[in-house]
Amino acid sequence: MEYVDYYKLLGINKSASEKEIKKAYRKLARKYHPDVNLNNKEAEKKFKQINEANEVLSNPENRKKYDAYGENWQHAEEFKKAKEQQKQQNYSYKGGQQTHNPFNEEDFSDFFSAMFGDGFQQKNTRRGGFKGRDYNAQLQLNLTDILASKKHTLTVNNKNIRLTIPAGIENRQVIKIKNQGEKVANGGINGDLYIEFNIVNNTPFRRDKNNLYVTVDLDVYKAILGGDLIITTIDNKKLKLQIKPETQTDTQVKLKGKGMPIYKKEGQFGDLFVKFKIKTPTNLTSKEKELFTQLSKLR
């Protein structure tokens, strides 16, 4: 498989921020999504590459490895250990004199390949052999299913694949699982599995990326006089809000850190925005109507 420059693919430079990476990814994902490009193999290939690029560059640790090792970023730790081992073997001491071991970079490449097999590729080189077909699957989850990372079992071609779904995954996001596509023999390369997630909102909350929005009713008395209001968060926890006197309808408050978990950022959450709608009382008694009339005359 040819080497693909993830930065070039997303149309960004190496100094791009996380926000710029996400923006570039979303723009290209919409352009090349299979639903927009029916039966277009080139668009399908591009869509998979874009998702792979986003998976790597949106993860700070993986991005650091990718910047250092390019397409071999997944072998970064092994590479560093082997490199250190080579350095240690390059020199030996004999009679107090340092002697050089003639173990050059070309030898090191062969050494590294011997250690890690054909999974290691020199930059600008290609592996031979037939590559198996990639498989595509869809997994439907409720919004409440992705509030925490969970293990799921997915059956693809009568094979059960157990994977951990990170909390906060986006609707229609695609992740790649290497070597879980078509299996091939005789030195070939197994295909990959691409899973697209369909997130169904089974809550009264509206999701916008990492933030949540909800509208709650506020009775006219509490809106005028103020007081405490109990609301339920998306994870079914009770939260007490203090309503200010003379709160107007459509007033919105932000509850920091009460939104969706941020994808692949453990312990980080978006915000929850609560909007108030003042609820007018109905079926008033004669006494209540009389009191409201008196209030109206005072104003």
C-alpha atoms as a PDB file:
ATOM      1  CA  MET A   1       0.000   0.000   0.000  1.00  0.00           C
ATOM      2  CA  GLU A   2       1.436   3.359  -1.004  1.00  0.00           C
ATOM      3  CA  TYR A   3       2.421   5.899   1.600  1.00  0.00           C
ATOM      4  CA  VAL A   4      -0.136   8.685   2.134  1.00  0.00           C
ATOM      5  CA  ASP A   5       0.847  11.992   3.719  1.00  0.00           C
ATOM      6  CA  TYR A   6      -1.972  12.647   6.201  1.00  0.00           C
ATOM      7  CA  TYR A   7      -1.276  16.381   6.393  1.00  0.00           C
ATOM      8  CA  LYS A   8      -1.331  16.754   2.616  1.00  0.00           C
ATOM      9  CA  LEU A   9      -4.438  14.582   2.411  1.00  0.00           C
ATOM     10  CA  LEU A  10      -6.362  16.879   4.796  1.00  0.00           C
ATOM     11  CA  GLY A  11      -4.948  20.016   3.154  1.00  0.00           C
ATOM     12  CA  ILE A  12      -3.278  21.304   6.321  1.00  0.00           C
ATOM     13  CA  ASN A  13       0.276  21.983   7.412  1.00  0.00           C
ATOM     14  CA  LYS A  14       2.193  20.266  10.192  1.00  0.00           C
ATOM     15  CA  SER A  15       1.599  23.141  12.614  1.00  0.00           C
ATOM     16  CA  ALA A  16      -2.210  22.839  12.322  1.00  0.00           C
ATOM     17  CA  SER A  17      -4.153  22.980  15.601  1.00  0.00           C
ATOM     18  CA  GLU A  18      -6.622  20.296  16.745  1.00  0.00           C
ATOM     19  CA  LYS A  19      -9.457  22.617  15.744  1.00  0.00           C
ATOM     20  CA  GLU A  20      -8.031  23.049  12.240  1.00  0.00           C
ATOM     21  CA  ILE A  21      -7.610  19.282  11.870  1.00  0.00           C
ATOM     22  CA  LYS A  22     -11.212  18.627  12.896  1.00  0.00           C
ATOM     23  CA  LYS A  23     -12.507  21.365  10.574  1.00  0.00           C
ATOM     24  CA  ALA A  24     -10.557  20.001   7.598  1.00  0.00           C
ATOM     25  CA  TYR A  25     -11.677  16.445   8.350  1.00  0.00           C
ATOM     26  CA  ARG A  26     -15.377  17.349   8.589  1.00  0.00           C
ATOM     27  CA  LYS A  27     -15.259  19.302   5.341  1.00  0.00           C
ATOM     28  CA  LEU A  28     -13.647  16.456   3.394  1.00  0.00           C
ATOM     29  CA  ALA A  29     -15.757  13.749   5.068  1.00  0.00           C
ATOM     30  CA  ARG A  30     -18.926  15.475   3.872  1.00  0.00           C
ATOM     31  CA  LYS A  31     -17.494  15.801   0.361  1.00  0.00           C
ATOM     32  CA  TYR A  32     -16.401  12.168  -0.025  1.00  0.00           C
ATOM     33  CA  HIS A  33     -19.010  10.376   2.110  1.00  0.00           C
ATOM     34  CA  PRO A  34     -20.385   7.231   0.356  1.00  0.00           C
ATOM     35  CA  ASP A  35     -23.961   8.520   0.672  1.00  0.00           C
ATOM     36  CA  VAL A  36     -22.998  11.506  -1.477  1.00  0.00           C
ATOM     37  CA  ASN A  37     -20.868   9.488  -3.919  1.00  0.00           C
ATOM     38  CA  LEU A  38     -22.838   6.353  -4.664  1.00  0.00           C
ATOM     39  CA  ASN A  39     -20.847   3.594  -6.439  1.00  0.00           C
ATOM     40  CA  ASN A  40     -17.797   5.857  -6.647  1.00  0.00           C
ATOM     41  CA  LYS A  41     -14.801   3.692  -5.736  1.00  0.00           C
ATOM     42  CA  GLU A  42     -12.338   6.578  -5.803  1.00  0.00           C
ATOM     43  CA  ALA A  43     -14.495   8.609  -3.410  1.00  0.00           C
ATOM     44  CA  GLU A  44     -14.858   5.556  -1.150  1.00  0.00           C
ATOM     45  CA  LYS A  45     -11.066   5.118  -1.072  1.00  0.00           C
ATOM     46  CA  LYS A  46     -10.595   8.817  -0.334  1.00  0.00           C
ATOM     47  CA  PHE A  47     -13.192   8.690   2.447  1.00  0.00           C
ATOM     48  CA  LYS A  48     -11.339   5.819   4.154  1.00  0.00           C
ATOM     49  CA  GLN A  49      -8.012   7.631   3.876  1.00  0.00           C
ATOM     50  CA  ILE A  50      -9.518  10.804   5.339  1.00  0.00           C
ATOM     51  CA  ASN A  51     -10.899   8.910   8.328  1.00  0.00           C
ATOM     52  CA  GLU A  52      -7.567   7.164   8.859  1.00  0.00           C
ATOM     53  CA  ALA A  53      -5.752  10.513   8.748  1.00  0.00           C
ATOM     54  CA  ASN A  54      -8.161  11.988  11.294  1.00  0.00           C
ATOM     55  CA  GLU A  55      -7.818   8.968  13.591  1.00  0.00           C
ATOM     56  CA  VAL A  56      -4.062   9.495  13.747  1.00  0.00           C
ATOM     57  CA  LEU A  57      -3.714  13.296  13.727  1.00  0.00           C
ATOM     58  CA  SER A  58      -6.557  13.996  16.184  1.00  0.00           C
ATOM     59  CA  ASN A  59      -4.779  11.896  18.814  1.00  0.00           C
ATOM     60  CA  PRO A  60      -1.863  13.989  20.219  1.00  0.00           C
ATOM     61  CA  GLU A  61       0.255  10.960  21.131  1.00  0.00           C
ATOM     62  CA  ASN A  62      -0.235   9.241  17.767  1.00  0.00           C
ATOM     63  CA  ARG A  63       0.361  12.511  15.944  1.00  0.00           C
ATOM     64  CA  LYS A  64       3.702  12.928  17.728  1.00  0.00           C
ATOM     65  CA  LYS A  65       4.745   9.443  16.638  1.00  0.00           C
ATOM     66  CA  TYR A  66       3.524  10.054  13.089  1.00  0.00           C
ATOM     67  CA  ASP A  67       5.521  13.286  12.854  1.00  0.00           C
ATOM     68  CA  ALA A  68       8.628  11.388  13.916  1.00  0.00           C
ATOM     69  CA  TYR A  69       8.220   8.111  12.012  1.00  0.00           C
ATOM     70  CA  GLY A  70       5.717   8.760   9.209  1.00  0.00           C
ATOM     71  CA  GLU A  71       3.944   5.638   7.995  1.00  0.00           C
ATOM     72  CA  ASN A  72       5.855   3.543  10.564  1.00  0.00           C
ATOM     73  CA  TRP A  73       4.410   5.485  13.517  1.00  0.00           C
ATOM     74  CA  GLN A  74       2.709   2.380  14.943  1.00  0.00           C
ATOM     75  CA  HIS A  75       6.149   0.822  15.429  1.00  0.00           C
ATOM     76  CA  ALA A  76       7.597   3.908  17.140  1.00  0.00           C
ATOM     77  CA  GLU A  77       8.357   2.244  20.479  1.00  0.00           C
ATOM     78  CA  GLU A  78       9.920  -0.819  18.861  1.00  0.00           C
ATOM     79  CA  PHE A  79      11.917   1.393  16.529  1.00  0.00           C
ATOM     80  CA  LYS A  80      13.356   3.443  19.398  1.00  0.00           C
ATOM     81  CA  LYS A  81      14.311   0.319  21.345  1.00  0.00           C
ATOM     82  CA  ALA A  82      15.935  -1.295  18.321  1.00  0.00           C
ATOM     83  CA  LYS A  83      17.730   1.947  17.464  1.00  0.00           C
ATOM     84  CA  GLU A  84      19.115   2.178  20.983  1.00  0.00           C
ATOM     85  CA  GLN A  85      20.192  -1.436  20.823  1.00  0.00           C
ATOM     86  CA  GLN A  86      21.997  -0.749  17.553  1.00  0.00           C
ATOM     87  CA  LYS A  87      23.805   2.239  19.072  1.00  0.00           C
ATOM     88  CA  GLN A  88      24.955   0.153  21.990  1.00  0.00           C
ATOM     89  CA  GLN A  89      26.240  -2.529  19.640  1.00  0.00           C
ATOM     90  CA  ASN A  90      27.995  -0.045  17.361  1.00  0.00           C
ATOM     91  CA  TYR A  91      30.771   0.491  19.912  1.00  0.00           C
ATOM     92  CA  SER A  92      32.739  -1.886  22.093  1.00  0.00           C
ATOM     93  CA  TYR A  93      35.730  -1.453  24.386  1.00  0.00           C
ATOM     94  CA  LYS A  94      38.949  -3.417  24.012  1.00  0.00           C
ATOM     95  CA  GLY A  95      41.926  -2.710  26.222  1.00  0.00           C
ATOM     96  CA  GLY A  96      40.459   0.655  27.204  1.00  0.00           C
ATOM     97  CA  GLN A  97      40.126   1.663  23.522  1.00  0.00           C
ATOM     98  CA  GLN A  98      36.788   2.321  21.865  1.00  0.00           C
ATOM     99  CA  THR A  99      36.350   0.366  18.637  1.00  0.00           C
ATOM    100  CA  HIS A 100      33.586   0.837  16.090  1.00  0.00           C
ATOM    101  CA  ASN A 101      31.354  -2.007  15.085  1.00  0.00           C
ATOM    102  CA  PRO A 102      30.719  -1.748  11.298  1.00  0.00           C
ATOM    103  CA  PHE A 103      26.950  -1.946  11.544  1.00  0.00           C
ATOM    104  CA  ASN A 104      25.571   0.651   9.127  1.00  0.00           C
ATOM    105  CA  GLU A 105      22.087   2.017   8.533  1.00  0.00           C
ATOM    106  CA  GLU A 106      21.415  -0.506   5.776  1.00  0.00           C
ATOM    107  CA  ASP A 107      22.316  -3.316   8.138  1.00  0.00           C
ATOM    108  CA  PHE A 108      20.039  -1.727  10.729  1.00  0.00           C
ATOM    109  CA  SER A 109      17.118  -1.742   8.286  1.00  0.00           C
ATOM    110  CA  ASP A 110      17.601  -5.449   7.710  1.00  0.00           C
ATOM    111  CA  PHE A 111      17.932  -5.989  11.459  1.00  0.00           C
ATOM    112  CA  PHE A 112      14.716  -4.105  12.180  1.00  0.00           C
ATOM    113  CA  SER A 113      12.807  -5.952   9.440  1.00  0.00           C
ATOM    114  CA  ALA A 114      14.040  -9.248  10.833  1.00  0.00           C
ATOM    115  CA  MET A 115      12.736  -8.287  14.268  1.00  0.00           C
ATOM    116  CA  PHE A 116       9.327  -7.049  13.193  1.00  0.00           C
ATOM    117  CA  GLY A 117       8.711  -8.770   9.884  1.00  0.00           C
ATOM    118  CA  ASP A 118       7.078  -7.281   6.835  1.00  0.00           C
ATOM    119  CA  GLY A 119       5.049  -4.941   9.055  1.00  0.00           C
ATOM    120  CA  PHE A 120       8.045  -2.571   8.915  1.00  0.00           C
ATOM    121  CA  GLN A 121       8.333  -0.601   5.682  1.00  0.00           C
ATOM    122  CA  GLN A 122      11.045   1.829   4.722  1.00  0.00           C
ATOM    123  CA  LYS A 123       9.646   5.198   3.633  1.00  0.00           C
ATOM    124  CA  ASN A 124       8.934   5.404  -0.111  1.00  0.00           C
ATOM    125  CA  THR A 125       8.951   1.585  -0.459  1.00  0.00           C
ATOM    126  CA  ARG A 126       6.069  -0.824  -1.023  1.00  0.00           C
ATOM    127  CA  ARG A 127       5.282  -4.298   0.212  1.00  0.00           C
ATOM    128  CA  GLY A 128       4.677  -6.925  -2.347  1.00  0.00           C
ATOM    129  CA  GLY A 129       1.848  -9.435  -2.339  1.00  0.00           C
ATOM    130  CA  PHE A 130      -1.889  -9.336  -2.851  1.00  0.00           C
ATOM    131  CA  LYS A 131      -3.991  -7.235  -0.478  1.00  0.00           C
ATOM    132  CA  GLY A 132      -7.309  -8.614   0.675  1.00  0.00           C
ATOM    133  CA  ARG A 133     -10.538  -6.687   0.266  1.00  0.00           C
ATOM    134  CA  ASP A 134     -11.576  -4.187   2.906  1.00  0.00           C
ATOM    135  CA  TYR A 135     -14.847  -4.845   4.707  1.00  0.00           C
ATOM    136  CA  ASN A 136     -17.399  -2.189   5.639  1.00  0.00           C
ATOM    137  CA  ALA A 137     -19.853  -2.485   8.517  1.00  0.00           C
ATOM    138  CA  GLN A 138     -22.289  -0.283  10.406  1.00  0.00           C
ATOM    139  CA  LEU A 139     -22.927  -0.246  14.124  1.00  0.00           C
ATOM    140  CA  GLN A 140     -25.980   1.483  15.605  1.00  0.00           C
ATOM    141  CA  LEU A 141     -25.765   2.797  19.160  1.00  0.00           C
ATOM    142  CA  ASN A 142     -27.915   5.031  21.330  1.00  0.00           C
ATOM    143  CA  LEU A 143     -26.515   8.342  22.505  1.00  0.00           C
ATOM    144  CA  THR A 144     -26.579   7.009  26.064  1.00  0.00           C
ATOM    145  CA  ASP A 145     -24.386   4.067  24.948  1.00  0.00           C
ATOM    146  CA  ILE A 146     -21.404   6.346  24.277  1.00  0.00           C
ATOM    147  CA  LEU A 147     -21.287   8.231  27.586  1.00  0.00           C
ATOM    148  CA  ALA A 148     -18.451   5.910  28.612  1.00  0.00           C
ATOM    149  CA  SER A 149     -16.039   3.659  26.720  1.00  0.00           C
ATOM    150  CA  LYS A 150     -17.548   0.185  26.394  1.00  0.00           C
ATOM    151  CA  LYS A 151     -16.670  -3.154  24.861  1.00  0.00           C
ATOM    152  CA  HIS A 152     -18.871  -4.369  22.022  1.00  0.00           C
ATOM    153  CA  THR A 153     -18.890  -7.512  19.935  1.00  0.00           C
ATOM    154  CA  LEU A 154     -19.451  -7.030  16.213  1.00  0.00           C
ATOM    155  CA  THR A 155     -20.147  -9.972  13.899  1.00  0.00           C
ATOM    156  CA  VAL A 156     -18.609  -9.569  10.434  1.00  0.00           C
ATOM    157  CA  ASN A 157     -18.706 -12.477   7.952  1.00  0.00           C
ATOM    158  CA  ASN A 158     -19.627 -14.910  10.749  1.00  0.00           C
ATOM    159  CA  LYS A 159     -16.634 -13.789  12.800  1.00  0.00           C
ATOM    160  CA  ASN A 160     -17.032 -12.115  16.187  1.00  0.00           C
ATOM    161  CA  ILE A 161     -14.786  -9.075  16.633  1.00  0.00           C
ATOM    162  CA  ARG A 162     -14.554  -7.637  20.119  1.00  0.00           C
ATOM    163  CA  LEU A 163     -13.642  -3.965  20.265  1.00  0.00           C
ATOM    164  CA  THR A 164     -13.769  -1.052  22.676  1.00  0.00           C
ATOM    165  CA  ILE A 165     -15.854   1.904  21.492  1.00  0.00           C
ATOM    166  CA  PRO A 166     -14.357   5.144  22.859  1.00  0.00           C
ATOM    167  CA  ALA A 167     -16.771   7.437  24.691  1.00  0.00           C
ATOM    168  CA  GLY A 168     -18.009  10.440  22.727  1.00  0.00           C
ATOM    169  CA  ILE A 169     -17.687   8.943  19.243  1.00  0.00           C
ATOM    170  CA  GLU A 170     -19.447  11.054  16.596  1.00  0.00           C
ATOM    171  CA  ASN A 171     -22.465  10.098  14.527  1.00  0.00           C
ATOM    172  CA  ARG A 172     -21.353   8.737  11.108  1.00  0.00           C
ATOM    173  CA  GLN A 173     -17.743   8.613  12.247  1.00  0.00           C
ATOM    174  CA  VAL A 174     -15.736   5.800  10.669  1.00  0.00           C
ATOM    175  CA  ILE A 175     -12.926   3.938  12.410  1.00  0.00           C
ATOM    176  CA  LYS A 176     -10.495   1.487  10.877  1.00  0.00           C
ATOM    177  CA  ILE A 177      -9.518  -1.870  12.375  1.00  0.00           C
ATOM    178  CA  LYS A 178      -6.426  -3.173  10.651  1.00  0.00           C
ATOM    179  CA  ASN A 179      -6.198  -6.721   9.286  1.00  0.00           C
ATOM    180  CA  GLN A 180      -9.842  -7.550  10.059  1.00  0.00           C
ATOM    181  CA  GLY A 181     -10.913  -7.560   6.408  1.00  0.00           C
ATOM    182  CA  GLU A 182     -10.433 -10.384   3.904  1.00  0.00           C
ATOM    183  CA  LYS A 183      -7.705 -12.810   4.973  1.00  0.00           C
ATOM    184  CA  VAL A 184      -5.087 -13.754   2.378  1.00  0.00           C
ATOM    185  CA  ALA A 185      -2.261 -16.275   2.368  1.00  0.00           C
ATOM    186  CA  ASN A 186       1.152 -16.635   0.718  1.00  0.00           C
ATOM    187  CA  GLY A 187       2.636 -13.446   2.111  1.00  0.00           C
ATOM    188  CA  GLY A 188      -0.315 -11.270   1.156  1.00  0.00           C
ATOM    189  CA  ILE A 189      -1.728  -8.422   3.197  1.00  0.00           C
ATOM    190  CA  ASN A 190      -5.030  -8.843   5.009  1.00  0.00           C
ATOM    191  CA  GLY A 191      -7.716  -6.286   4.258  1.00  0.00           C
ATOM    192  CA  ASP A 192      -9.012  -3.851   6.849  1.00  0.00           C
ATOM    193  CA  LEU A 193     -12.396  -3.359   8.490  1.00  0.00           C
ATOM    194  CA  TYR A 194     -14.100   0.053   8.394  1.00  0.00           C
ATOM    195  CA  ILE A 195     -16.928   0.594  10.874  1.00  0.00           C
ATOM    196  CA  GLU A 196     -19.352   3.491  10.478  1.00  0.00           C
ATOM    197  CA  PHE A 197     -21.291   4.483  13.592  1.00  0.00           C
ATOM    198  CA  ASN A 198     -24.949   5.446  13.543  1.00  0.00           C
ATOM    199  CA  ILE A 199     -25.697   7.254  16.810  1.00  0.00           C
ATOM    200  CA  VAL A 200     -29.420   7.457  17.614  1.00  0.00           C
ATOM    201  CA  ASN A 201     -30.451  10.229  19.996  1.00  0.00           C
ATOM    202  CA  ASN A 202     -32.695   8.583  22.591  1.00  0.00           C
ATOM    203  CA  THR A 203     -32.683  11.606  24.912  1.00  0.00           C
ATOM    204  CA  PRO A 204     -34.353  15.050  25.131  1.00  0.00           C
ATOM    205  CA  PHE A 205     -30.912  16.619  24.732  1.00  0.00           C
ATOM    206  CA  ARG A 206     -29.645  18.024  21.441  1.00  0.00           C
ATOM    207  CA  ARG A 207     -26.020  17.230  20.696  1.00  0.00           C
ATOM    208  CA  ASP A 208     -23.679  19.597  18.891  1.00  0.00           C
ATOM    209  CA  LYS A 209     -20.192  18.064  18.835  1.00  0.00           C
ATOM    210  CA  ASN A 210     -19.206  17.870  22.527  1.00  0.00           C
ATOM    211  CA  ASN A 211     -21.932  20.173  23.850  1.00  0.00           C
ATOM    212  CA  LEU A 212     -25.502  19.358  24.846  1.00  0.00           C
ATOM    213  CA  TYR A 213     -28.584  21.595  24.741  1.00  0.00           C
ATOM    214  CA  VAL A 214     -31.900  21.141  26.526  1.00  0.00           C
ATOM    215  CA  THR A 215     -35.016  23.236  27.132  1.00  0.00           C
ATOM    216  CA  VAL A 216     -36.827  22.976  30.484  1.00  0.00           C
ATOM    217  CA  ASP A 217     -40.109  24.405  31.684  1.00  0.00           C
ATOM    218  CA  LEU A 218     -40.048  27.065  34.390  1.00  0.00           C
ATOM    219  CA  ASP A 219     -43.247  27.982  36.201  1.00  0.00           C
ATOM    220  CA  VAL A 220     -44.127  31.657  36.252  1.00  0.00           C
ATOM    221  CA  TYR A 221     -43.875  31.951  40.039  1.00  0.00           C
ATOM    222  CA  LYS A 222     -40.289  30.646  40.160  1.00  0.00           C
ATOM    223  CA  ALA A 223     -39.390  32.778  37.149  1.00  0.00           C
ATOM    224  CA  ILE A 224     -40.583  35.884  39.006  1.00  0.00           C
ATOM    225  CA  LEU A 225     -39.455  35.105  42.544  1.00  0.00           C
ATOM    226  CA  GLY A 226     -36.458  32.833  41.890  1.00  0.00           C
ATOM    227  CA  GLY A 227     -35.671  29.597  43.683  1.00  0.00           C
ATOM    228  CA  ASP A 228     -34.192  26.140  43.172  1.00  0.00           C
ATOM    229  CA  LEU A 229     -34.894  23.901  40.180  1.00  0.00           C
ATOM    230  CA  ILE A 230     -33.879  20.230  39.905  1.00  0.00           C
ATOM    231  CA  ILE A 231     -32.917  18.999  36.424  1.00  0.00           C
ATOM    232  CA  THR A 232     -31.742  15.585  35.210  1.00  0.00           C
ATOM    233  CA  THR A 233     -28.490  15.363  33.233  1.00  0.00           C
ATOM    234  CA  ILE A 234     -27.925  12.998  30.286  1.00  0.00           C
ATOM    235  CA  ASP A 235     -26.285  10.442  32.589  1.00  0.00           C
ATOM    236  CA  ASN A 236     -29.417  10.452  34.768  1.00  0.00           C
ATOM    237  CA  LYS A 237     -27.937  12.472  37.621  1.00  0.00           C
ATOM    238  CA  LYS A 238     -29.913  15.111  39.518  1.00  0.00           C
ATOM    239  CA  LEU A 239     -28.572  18.639  39.454  1.00  0.00           C
ATOM    240  CA  LYS A 240     -29.847  21.646  41.431  1.00  0.00           C
ATOM    241  CA  LEU A 241     -29.963  24.992  39.631  1.00  0.00           C
ATOM    242  CA  GLN A 242     -30.495  28.319  41.349  1.00  0.00           C
ATOM    243  CA  ILE A 243     -33.001  30.410  39.393  1.00  0.00           C
ATOM    244  CA  LYS A 244     -32.496  34.134  39.608  1.00  0.00           C
ATOM    245  CA  PRO A 245     -35.568  36.339  40.338  1.00  0.00           C
ATOM    246  CA  GLU A 246     -37.206  37.865  37.265  1.00  0.00           C
ATOM    247  CA  THR A 247     -35.769  35.260  34.895  1.00  0.00           C
ATOM    248  CA  GLN A 248     -37.032  35.811  31.355  1.00  0.00           C
ATOM    249  CA  THR A 249     -38.148  33.128  28.907  1.00  0.00           C
ATOM    250  CA  ASP A 250     -35.351  31.825  26.608  1.00  0.00           C
ATOM    251  CA  THR A 251     -32.733  32.658  29.235  1.00  0.00           C
ATOM    252  CA  GLN A 252     -29.859  30.211  28.808  1.00  0.00           C
ATOM    253  CA  VAL A 253     -27.296  29.067  31.350  1.00  0.00           C
ATOM    254  CA  LYS A 254     -24.096  27.080  30.745  1.00  0.00           C
ATOM    255  CA  LEU A 255     -23.125  24.187  32.984  1.00  0.00           C
ATOM    256  CA  LYS A 256     -19.432  23.591  32.378  1.00  0.00           C
ATOM    257  CA  GLY A 257     -18.289  19.998  31.995  1.00  0.00           C
ATOM    258  CA  LYS A 258     -21.818  18.540  31.978  1.00  0.00           C
ATOM    259  CA  GLY A 259     -21.931  17.782  28.252  1.00  0.00           C
ATOM    260  CA  MET A 260     -20.678  14.833  26.184  1.00  0.00           C
ATOM    261  CA  PRO A 261     -17.386  13.094  26.912  1.00  0.00           C
ATOM    262  CA  ILE A 262     -14.713  14.295  24.483  1.00  0.00           C
ATOM    263  CA  TYR A 263     -13.569  11.577  22.086  1.00  0.00           C
ATOM    264  CA  LYS A 264     -10.307   9.929  23.193  1.00  0.00           C
ATOM    265  CA  LYS A 265      -9.719  12.539  25.906  1.00  0.00           C
ATOM    266  CA  GLU A 266     -10.298  10.722  29.161  1.00  0.00           C
ATOM    267  CA  GLY A 267     -11.966  12.817  31.858  1.00  0.00           C
ATOM    268  CA  GLN A 268     -12.764  15.763  29.561  1.00  0.00           C
ATOM    269  CA  PHE A 269     -16.328  16.825  28.740  1.00  0.00           C
ATOM    270  CA  GLY A 270     -18.196  19.430  26.757  1.00  0.00           C
ATOM    271  CA  ASP A 271     -20.753  21.781  28.314  1.00  0.00           C
ATOM    272  CA  LEU A 272     -24.496  21.614  28.915  1.00  0.00           C
ATOM    273  CA  PHE A 273     -26.654  24.584  27.932  1.00  0.00           C
ATOM    274  CA  VAL A 274     -30.049  24.853  29.628  1.00  0.00           C
ATOM    275  CA  LYS A 275     -32.704  27.165  28.183  1.00  0.00           C
ATOM    276  CA  PHE A 276     -35.775  28.140  30.207  1.00  0.00           C
ATOM    277  CA  LYS A 277     -39.300  28.345  28.837  1.00  0.00           C
ATOM    278  CA  ILE A 278     -41.737  30.032  31.191  1.00  0.00           C
ATOM    279  CA  LYS A 279     -44.866  27.947  31.592  1.00  0.00           C
ATOM    280  CA  THR A 280     -48.096  29.904  32.026  1.00  0.00           C
ATOM    281  CA  PRO A 281     -50.425  28.375  34.656  1.00  0.00           C
ATOM    282  CA  THR A 282     -53.768  27.017  33.499  1.00  0.00           C
ATOM    283  CA  ASN A 283     -57.084  26.191  35.195  1.00  0.00           C
ATOM    284  CA  LEU A 284     -56.770  29.164  37.556  1.00  0.00           C
ATOM    285  CA  THR A 285     -59.158  29.391  40.479  1.00  0.00           C
ATOM    286  CA  SER A 286     -61.268  32.478  41.033  1.00  0.00           C
ATOM    287  CA  LYS A 287     -58.979  33.524  43.867  1.00  0.00           C
ATOM    288  CA  GLU A 288     -55.882  33.187  41.670  1.00  0.00           C
ATOM    289  CA  LYS A 289     -57.490  35.248  38.922  1.00  0.00           C
ATOM    290  CA  GLU A 290     -58.395  37.882  41.479  1.00  0.00           C
ATOM    291  CA  LEU A 291     -54.795  38.035  42.752  1.00  0.00           C
ATOM    292  CA  PHE A 292     -53.408  38.306  39.224  1.00  0.00           C
ATOM    293  CA  THR A 293     -55.844  41.104  38.519  1.00  0.00           C
ATOM    294  CA  GLN A 294     -54.634  42.959  41.594  1.00  0.00           C
ATOM    295  CA  LEU A 295     -51.030  42.455  40.462  1.00  0.00           C
ATOM    296  CA  SER A 296     -51.807  43.783  37.017  1.00  0.00           C
ATOM    297  CA  LYS A 297     -53.289  46.950  38.528  1.00  0.00           C
ATOM    298  CA  LEU A 298     -50.154  47.458  40.622  1.00  0.00           C
ATOM    299  CA  ARG A 299     -48.052  47.418  37.444  1.00  0.00           C
END
